[in-house]
Amino acid sequence: MKQTKKKLTWYVIFVGARPGVYTNWTLVKKYIEGYSKADYKKFHSKQEAEDAFEKCSRSTYNSDAAHVWNPPRPPRSK
């Protein structure tokens, strides 16, 4: 069987829990859920995604930095 190489898709979160550039849609979905004005977009190259993020960002973006999101814990039941 011939295997086809899957192209990597890049996602940019402009407004959400963790703005940045990602390759994992499941993670992006987690970071934008619950944001009524979440802003994100899909790109087909890393360069396009980083350029778009940098253009809309007020800070510099380090593509090698690890992105971790710690959602708030639900209140404890009494």
PDB file of N, CA and C in Angstrom:
ATOM      1  N   MET A   1       0.827  -1.201   0.000  1.00  0.00           N
ATOM      2  CA  MET A   1       0.000   0.000   0.000  1.00  0.00           C
ATOM      3  C   MET A   1       0.864   1.254   0.000  1.00  0.00           C
ATOM      4  N   LYS A   2       0.415   2.201  -0.718  1.00  0.00           N
ATOM      5  CA  LYS A   2       1.116   3.478  -0.768  1.00  0.00           C
ATOM      6  C   LYS A   2       0.595   4.392   0.344  1.00  0.00           C
ATOM      7  N   GLN A   3       1.508   4.897   1.143  1.00  0.00           N
ATOM      8  CA  GLN A   3       1.113   5.805   2.225  1.00  0.00           C
ATOM      9  C   GLN A   3       1.298   7.240   1.765  1.00  0.00           C
ATOM     10  N   THR A   4       0.295   8.047   2.036  1.00  0.00           N
ATOM     11  CA  THR A   4       0.407   9.457   1.703  1.00  0.00           C
ATOM     12  C   THR A   4       0.789  10.223   2.954  1.00  0.00           C
ATOM     13  N   LYS A   5       1.652  11.173   2.775  1.00  0.00           N
ATOM     14  CA  LYS A   5       2.095  11.988   3.899  1.00  0.00           C
ATOM     15  C   LYS A   5       1.036  13.045   4.189  1.00  0.00           C
ATOM     16  N   LYS A   6       0.567  13.046   5.427  1.00  0.00           N
ATOM     17  CA  LYS A   6      -0.468  13.996   5.826  1.00  0.00           C
ATOM     18  C   LYS A   6       0.165  15.374   6.049  1.00  0.00           C
ATOM     19  N   LYS A   7      -0.425  16.385   5.430  1.00  0.00           N
ATOM     20  CA  LYS A   7       0.076  17.742   5.617  1.00  0.00           C
ATOM     21  C   LYS A   7      -0.350  18.261   6.980  1.00  0.00           C
ATOM     22  N   LEU A   8       0.531  18.983   7.613  1.00  0.00           N
ATOM     23  CA  LEU A   8       0.259  19.553   8.918  1.00  0.00           C
ATOM     24  C   LEU A   8      -0.565  20.830   8.756  1.00  0.00           C
ATOM     25  N   THR A   9      -1.571  20.964   9.583  1.00  0.00           N
ATOM     26  CA  THR A   9      -2.411  22.157   9.580  1.00  0.00           C
ATOM     27  C   THR A   9      -2.063  22.985  10.811  1.00  0.00           C
ATOM     28  N   TRP A  10      -2.011  24.268  10.645  1.00  0.00           N
ATOM     29  CA  TRP A  10      -1.657  25.191  11.725  1.00  0.00           C
ATOM     30  C   TRP A  10      -2.880  26.021  12.091  1.00  0.00           C
ATOM     31  N   TYR A  11      -3.061  26.260  13.367  1.00  0.00           N
ATOM     32  CA  TYR A  11      -4.179  27.057  13.875  1.00  0.00           C
ATOM     33  C   TYR A  11      -3.629  28.203  14.711  1.00  0.00           C
ATOM     34  N   VAL A  12      -4.241  29.369  14.566  1.00  0.00           N
ATOM     35  CA  VAL A  12      -3.868  30.522  15.379  1.00  0.00           C
ATOM     36  C   VAL A  12      -5.066  30.908  16.228  1.00  0.00           C
ATOM     37  N   ILE A  13      -4.846  31.013  17.526  1.00  0.00           N
ATOM     38  CA  ILE A  13      -5.857  31.543  18.431  1.00  0.00           C
ATOM     39  C   ILE A  13      -5.472  32.991  18.694  1.00  0.00           C
ATOM     40  N   PHE A  14      -6.312  33.893  18.238  1.00  0.00           N
ATOM     41  CA  PHE A  14      -6.082  35.319  18.480  1.00  0.00           C
ATOM     42  C   PHE A  14      -6.708  35.733  19.806  1.00  0.00           C
ATOM     43  N   VAL A  15      -7.915  35.217  20.086  1.00  0.00           N
ATOM     44  CA  VAL A  15      -8.622  35.504  21.341  1.00  0.00           C
ATOM     45  C   VAL A  15      -9.135  34.172  21.882  1.00  0.00           C
ATOM     46  N   GLY A  16      -8.714  33.835  23.091  1.00  0.00           N
ATOM     47  CA  GLY A  16      -9.109  32.590  23.737  1.00  0.00           C
ATOM     48  C   GLY A  16      -8.305  32.421  25.011  1.00  0.00           C
ATOM     49  N   ALA A  17      -8.337  31.226  25.582  1.00  0.00           N
ATOM     50  CA  ALA A  17      -7.643  30.979  26.846  1.00  0.00           C
ATOM     51  C   ALA A  17      -6.126  31.095  26.696  1.00  0.00           C
ATOM     52  N   ARG A  18      -5.571  30.623  25.581  1.00  0.00           N
ATOM     53  CA  ARG A  18      -4.133  30.664  25.358  1.00  0.00           C
ATOM     54  C   ARG A  18      -3.854  31.077  23.913  1.00  0.00           C
ATOM     55  N   PRO A  19      -3.833  32.375  23.621  1.00  0.00           N
ATOM     56  CA  PRO A  19      -3.521  32.806  22.256  1.00  0.00           C
ATOM     57  C   PRO A  19      -2.154  32.264  21.820  1.00  0.00           C
ATOM     58  N   GLY A  20      -2.060  31.863  20.568  1.00  0.00           N
ATOM     59  CA  GLY A  20      -0.805  31.342  20.049  1.00  0.00           C
ATOM     60  C   GLY A  20      -1.010  30.532  18.794  1.00  0.00           C
ATOM     61  N   VAL A  21       0.046  29.835  18.389  1.00  0.00           N
ATOM     62  CA  VAL A  21       0.037  29.015  17.180  1.00  0.00           C
ATOM     63  C   VAL A  21       0.082  27.549  17.598  1.00  0.00           C
ATOM     64  N   TYR A  22      -0.800  26.734  17.028  1.00  0.00           N
ATOM     65  CA  TYR A  22      -0.936  25.326  17.406  1.00  0.00           C
ATOM     66  C   TYR A  22      -1.094  24.443  16.186  1.00  0.00           C
ATOM     67  N   THR A  23      -0.833  23.145  16.359  1.00  0.00           N
ATOM     68  CA  THR A  23      -1.057  22.161  15.299  1.00  0.00           C
ATOM     69  C   THR A  23      -2.109  21.141  15.705  1.00  0.00           C
ATOM     70  N   ASN A  24      -2.618  21.237  16.909  1.00  0.00           N
ATOM     71  CA  ASN A  24      -3.554  20.253  17.444  1.00  0.00           C
ATOM     72  C   ASN A  24      -4.944  20.872  17.588  1.00  0.00           C
ATOM     73  N   TRP A  25      -5.902  20.436  16.735  1.00  0.00           N
ATOM     74  CA  TRP A  25      -7.248  21.009  16.766  1.00  0.00           C
ATOM     75  C   TRP A  25      -7.952  20.741  18.093  1.00  0.00           C
ATOM     76  N   THR A  26      -7.740  19.573  18.683  1.00  0.00           N
ATOM     77  CA  THR A  26      -8.388  19.244  19.957  1.00  0.00           C
ATOM     78  C   THR A  26      -7.984  20.244  21.034  1.00  0.00           C
ATOM     79  N   LEU A  27      -6.723  20.612  21.062  1.00  0.00           N
ATOM     80  CA  LEU A  27      -6.227  21.596  22.021  1.00  0.00           C
ATOM     81  C   LEU A  27      -6.799  22.981  21.722  1.00  0.00           C
ATOM     82  N   VAL A  28      -6.830  23.351  20.455  1.00  0.00           N
ATOM     83  CA  VAL A  28      -7.399  24.648  20.060  1.00  0.00           C
ATOM     84  C   VAL A  28      -8.857  24.728  20.499  1.00  0.00           C
ATOM     85  N   LYS A  29      -9.606  23.677  20.231  1.00  0.00           N
ATOM     86  CA  LYS A  29     -11.020  23.649  20.604  1.00  0.00           C
ATOM     87  C   LYS A  29     -11.195  23.844  22.108  1.00  0.00           C
ATOM     88  N   LYS A  30     -10.336  23.209  22.885  1.00  0.00           N
ATOM     89  CA  LYS A  30     -10.383  23.342  24.344  1.00  0.00           C
ATOM     90  C   LYS A  30     -10.127  24.794  24.772  1.00  0.00           C
ATOM     91  N   TYR A  31      -9.198  25.457  24.096  1.00  0.00           N
ATOM     92  CA  TYR A  31      -8.823  26.823  24.460  1.00  0.00           C
ATOM     93  C   TYR A  31      -9.811  27.887  23.989  1.00  0.00           C
ATOM     94  N   ILE A  32     -10.677  27.539  23.027  1.00  0.00           N
ATOM     95  CA  ILE A  32     -11.643  28.537  22.547  1.00  0.00           C
ATOM     96  C   ILE A  32     -13.049  28.308  23.079  1.00  0.00           C
ATOM     97  N   GLU A  33     -13.330  27.093  23.580  1.00  0.00           N
ATOM     98  CA  GLU A  33     -14.661  26.816  24.117  1.00  0.00           C
ATOM     99  C   GLU A  33     -14.940  27.715  25.309  1.00  0.00           C
ATOM    100  N   GLY A  34     -16.156  28.234  25.363  1.00  0.00           N
ATOM    101  CA  GLY A  34     -16.543  29.083  26.475  1.00  0.00           C
ATOM    102  C   GLY A  34     -16.230  30.556  26.252  1.00  0.00           C
ATOM    103  N   TYR A  35     -15.552  30.878  25.166  1.00  0.00           N
ATOM    104  CA  TYR A  35     -15.260  32.274  24.845  1.00  0.00           C
ATOM    105  C   TYR A  35     -16.269  32.741  23.800  1.00  0.00           C
ATOM    106  N   SER A  36     -17.145  33.636  24.204  1.00  0.00           N
ATOM    107  CA  SER A  36     -18.191  34.075  23.285  1.00  0.00           C
ATOM    108  C   SER A  36     -17.622  34.845  22.093  1.00  0.00           C
ATOM    109  N   LYS A  37     -16.454  35.433  22.246  1.00  0.00           N
ATOM    110  CA  LYS A  37     -15.846  36.191  21.149  1.00  0.00           C
ATOM    111  C   LYS A  37     -14.500  35.606  20.759  1.00  0.00           C
ATOM    112  N   ALA A  38     -14.384  34.271  20.836  1.00  0.00           N
ATOM    113  CA  ALA A  38     -13.139  33.608  20.451  1.00  0.00           C
ATOM    114  C   ALA A  38     -12.835  33.912  18.989  1.00  0.00           C
ATOM    115  N   ASP A  39     -11.568  34.118  18.707  1.00  0.00           N
ATOM    116  CA  ASP A  39     -11.135  34.423  17.348  1.00  0.00           C
ATOM    117  C   ASP A  39      -9.979  33.488  17.010  1.00  0.00           C
ATOM    118  N   TYR A  40     -10.147  32.682  15.965  1.00  0.00           N
ATOM    119  CA  TYR A  40      -9.121  31.724  15.572  1.00  0.00           C
ATOM    120  C   TYR A  40      -9.218  31.488  14.074  1.00  0.00           C
ATOM    121  N   LYS A  41      -8.148  30.936  13.502  1.00  0.00           N
ATOM    122  CA  LYS A  41      -8.137  30.695  12.065  1.00  0.00           C
ATOM    123  C   LYS A  41      -7.172  29.562  11.737  1.00  0.00           C
ATOM    124  N   LYS A  42      -7.481  28.820  10.686  1.00  0.00           N
ATOM    125  CA  LYS A  42      -6.653  27.702  10.212  1.00  0.00           C
ATOM    126  C   LYS A  42      -5.727  28.191   9.100  1.00  0.00           C
ATOM    127  N   PHE A  43      -4.481  27.691   9.116  1.00  0.00           N
ATOM    128  CA  PHE A  43      -3.491  28.028   8.089  1.00  0.00           C
ATOM    129  C   PHE A  43      -2.849  26.743   7.581  1.00  0.00           C
ATOM    130  N   HIS A  44      -2.260  26.806   6.404  1.00  0.00           N
ATOM    131  CA  HIS A  44      -1.637  25.633   5.810  1.00  0.00           C
ATOM    132  C   HIS A  44      -0.119  25.638   5.919  1.00  0.00           C
ATOM    133  N   SER A  45       0.453  26.688   6.503  1.00  0.00           N
ATOM    134  CA  SER A  45       1.898  26.692   6.732  1.00  0.00           C
ATOM    135  C   SER A  45       2.200  27.386   8.065  1.00  0.00           C
ATOM    136  N   LYS A  46       3.293  26.961   8.657  1.00  0.00           N
ATOM    137  CA  LYS A  46       3.720  27.531   9.932  1.00  0.00           C
ATOM    138  C   LYS A  46       4.032  29.019   9.767  1.00  0.00           C
ATOM    139  N   GLN A  47       4.691  29.362   8.665  1.00  0.00           N
ATOM    140  CA  GLN A  47       5.076  30.758   8.433  1.00  0.00           C
ATOM    141  C   GLN A  47       3.852  31.668   8.340  1.00  0.00           C
ATOM    142  N   GLU A  48       2.827  31.240   7.603  1.00  0.00           N
ATOM    143  CA  GLU A  48       1.598  32.027   7.498  1.00  0.00           C
ATOM    144  C   GLU A  48       0.955  32.217   8.871  1.00  0.00           C
ATOM    145  N   ALA A  49       0.908  31.145   9.647  1.00  0.00           N
ATOM    146  CA  ALA A  49       0.287  31.202  10.971  1.00  0.00           C
ATOM    147  C   ALA A  49       1.054  32.138  11.895  1.00  0.00           C
ATOM    148  N   GLU A  50       2.378  32.009  11.928  1.00  0.00           N
ATOM    149  CA  GLU A  50       3.181  32.867  12.798  1.00  0.00           C
ATOM    150  C   GLU A  50       3.119  34.330  12.367  1.00  0.00           C
ATOM    151  N   ASP A  51       3.116  34.574  11.059  1.00  0.00           N
ATOM    152  CA  ASP A  51       3.001  35.950  10.559  1.00  0.00           C
ATOM    153  C   ASP A  51       1.662  36.570  10.969  1.00  0.00           C
ATOM    154  N   ALA A  52       0.587  35.804  10.835  1.00  0.00           N
ATOM    155  CA  ALA A  52      -0.743  36.311  11.202  1.00  0.00           C
ATOM    156  C   ALA A  52      -0.810  36.593  12.699  1.00  0.00           C
ATOM    157  N   PHE A  53      -0.260  35.688  13.491  1.00  0.00           N
ATOM    158  CA  PHE A  53      -0.285  35.883  14.943  1.00  0.00           C
ATOM    159  C   PHE A  53       0.555  37.092  15.348  1.00  0.00           C
ATOM    160  N   GLU A  54       1.730  37.214  14.762  1.00  0.00           N
ATOM    161  CA  GLU A  54       2.615  38.334  15.086  1.00  0.00           C
ATOM    162  C   GLU A  54       1.981  39.670  14.689  1.00  0.00           C
ATOM    163  N   LYS A  55       1.312  39.683  13.559  1.00  0.00           N
ATOM    164  CA  LYS A  55       0.663  40.909  13.079  1.00  0.00           C
ATOM    165  C   LYS A  55      -0.428  41.376  14.044  1.00  0.00           C
ATOM    166  N   CYS A  56      -1.148  40.432  14.636  1.00  0.00           N
ATOM    167  CA  CYS A  56      -2.258  40.775  15.524  1.00  0.00           C
ATOM    168  C   CYS A  56      -1.876  40.770  17.000  1.00  0.00           C
ATOM    169  N   SER A  57      -0.639  40.427  17.279  1.00  0.00           N
ATOM    170  CA  SER A  57      -0.210  40.314  18.672  1.00  0.00           C
ATOM    171  C   SER A  57       0.512  41.574  19.129  1.00  0.00           C
ATOM    172  N   ARG A  58       0.352  41.876  20.387  1.00  0.00           N
ATOM    173  CA  ARG A  58       1.073  43.021  20.961  1.00  0.00           C
ATOM    174  C   ARG A  58       2.389  42.588  21.583  1.00  0.00           C
ATOM    175  N   SER A  59       2.576  41.270  21.706  1.00  0.00           N
ATOM    176  CA  SER A  59       3.810  40.742  22.284  1.00  0.00           C
ATOM    177  C   SER A  59       4.499  39.843  21.273  1.00  0.00           C
ATOM    178  N   THR A  60       5.725  39.487  21.562  1.00  0.00           N
ATOM    179  CA  THR A  60       6.432  38.581  20.663  1.00  0.00           C
ATOM    180  C   THR A  60       5.990  37.158  20.951  1.00  0.00           C
ATOM    181  N   TYR A  61       6.090  36.316  19.947  1.00  0.00           N
ATOM    182  CA  TYR A  61       5.674  34.923  20.072  1.00  0.00           C
ATOM    183  C   TYR A  61       6.881  34.022  19.898  1.00  0.00           C
ATOM    184  N   ASN A  62       7.062  33.103  20.822  1.00  0.00           N
ATOM    185  CA  ASN A  62       8.141  32.137  20.746  1.00  0.00           C
ATOM    186  C   ASN A  62       7.534  30.794  20.371  1.00  0.00           C
ATOM    187  N   SER A  63       7.780  30.331  19.152  1.00  0.00           N
ATOM    188  CA  SER A  63       7.170  29.087  18.681  1.00  0.00           C
ATOM    189  C   SER A  63       7.724  27.866  19.401  1.00  0.00           C
ATOM    190  N   ASP A  64       8.845  28.004  20.088  1.00  0.00           N
ATOM    191  CA  ASP A  64       9.432  26.875  20.809  1.00  0.00           C
ATOM    192  C   ASP A  64       8.937  26.781  22.251  1.00  0.00           C
ATOM    193  N   ALA A  65       8.200  27.785  22.714  1.00  0.00           N
ATOM    194  CA  ALA A  65       7.717  27.782  24.101  1.00  0.00           C
ATOM    195  C   ALA A  65       6.596  26.757  24.269  1.00  0.00           C
ATOM    196  N   ALA A  66       6.571  26.158  25.425  1.00  0.00           N
ATOM    197  CA  ALA A  66       5.502  25.196  25.735  1.00  0.00           C
ATOM    198  C   ALA A  66       4.252  25.959  26.128  1.00  0.00           C
ATOM    199  N   HIS A  67       3.110  25.467  25.675  1.00  0.00           N
ATOM    200  CA  HIS A  67       1.842  26.100  26.003  1.00  0.00           C
ATOM    201  C   HIS A  67       1.054  25.199  26.933  1.00  0.00           C
ATOM    202  N   VAL A  68       0.783  25.701  28.122  1.00  0.00           N
ATOM    203  CA  VAL A  68       0.041  24.931  29.117  1.00  0.00           C
ATOM    204  C   VAL A  68      -1.109  25.794  29.601  1.00  0.00           C
ATOM    205  N   TRP A  69      -2.252  25.197  29.703  1.00  0.00           N
ATOM    206  CA  TRP A  69      -3.417  25.926  30.194  1.00  0.00           C
ATOM    207  C   TRP A  69      -3.964  25.199  31.400  1.00  0.00           C
ATOM    208  N   ASN A  70      -4.130  25.908  32.475  1.00  0.00           N
ATOM    209  CA  ASN A  70      -4.707  25.349  33.699  1.00  0.00           C
ATOM    210  C   ASN A  70      -6.058  25.996  33.932  1.00  0.00           C
ATOM    211  N   PRO A  71      -7.115  25.327  33.489  1.00  0.00           N
ATOM    212  CA  PRO A  71      -8.463  25.915  33.667  1.00  0.00           C
ATOM    213  C   PRO A  71      -8.794  26.019  35.139  1.00  0.00           C
ATOM    214  N   PRO A  72      -9.633  26.977  35.520  1.00  0.00           N
ATOM    215  CA  PRO A  72     -10.012  27.119  36.926  1.00  0.00           C
ATOM    216  C   PRO A  72     -10.761  25.882  37.408  1.00  0.00           C
ATOM    217  N   ARG A  73     -10.532  25.545  38.664  1.00  0.00           N
ATOM    218  CA  ARG A  73     -11.214  24.382  39.242  1.00  0.00           C
ATOM    219  C   ARG A  73     -12.657  24.747  39.580  1.00  0.00           C
ATOM    220  N   PRO A  74     -13.556  23.784  39.426  1.00  0.00           N
ATOM    221  CA  PRO A  74     -14.949  24.063  39.782  1.00  0.00           C
ATOM    222  C   PRO A  74     -15.076  24.236  41.291  1.00  0.00           C
ATOM    223  N   PRO A  75     -16.042  25.044  41.748  1.00  0.00           N
ATOM    224  CA  PRO A  75     -16.197  25.242  43.194  1.00  0.00           C
ATOM    225  C   PRO A  75     -16.563  23.924  43.875  1.00  0.00           C
ATOM    226  N   ARG A  76     -16.108  23.794  45.105  1.00  0.00           N
ATOM    227  CA  ARG A  76     -16.392  22.581  45.864  1.00  0.00           C
ATOM    228  C   ARG A  76     -17.825  22.614  46.381  1.00  0.00           C
ATOM    229  N   SER A  77     -18.426  21.452  46.405  1.00  0.00           N
ATOM    230  CA  SER A  77     -19.779  21.335  46.960  1.00  0.00           C
ATOM    231  C   SER A  77     -19.685  21.336  48.484  1.00  0.00           C
ATOM    232  N   LYS A  78     -20.659  21.963  49.117  1.00  0.00           N
ATOM    233  CA  LYS A  78     -20.644  22.023  50.587  1.00  0.00           C
ATOM    234  C   LYS A  78     -21.374  20.876  51.183  1.00  0.00           C
TER     235      LYS A  78
END
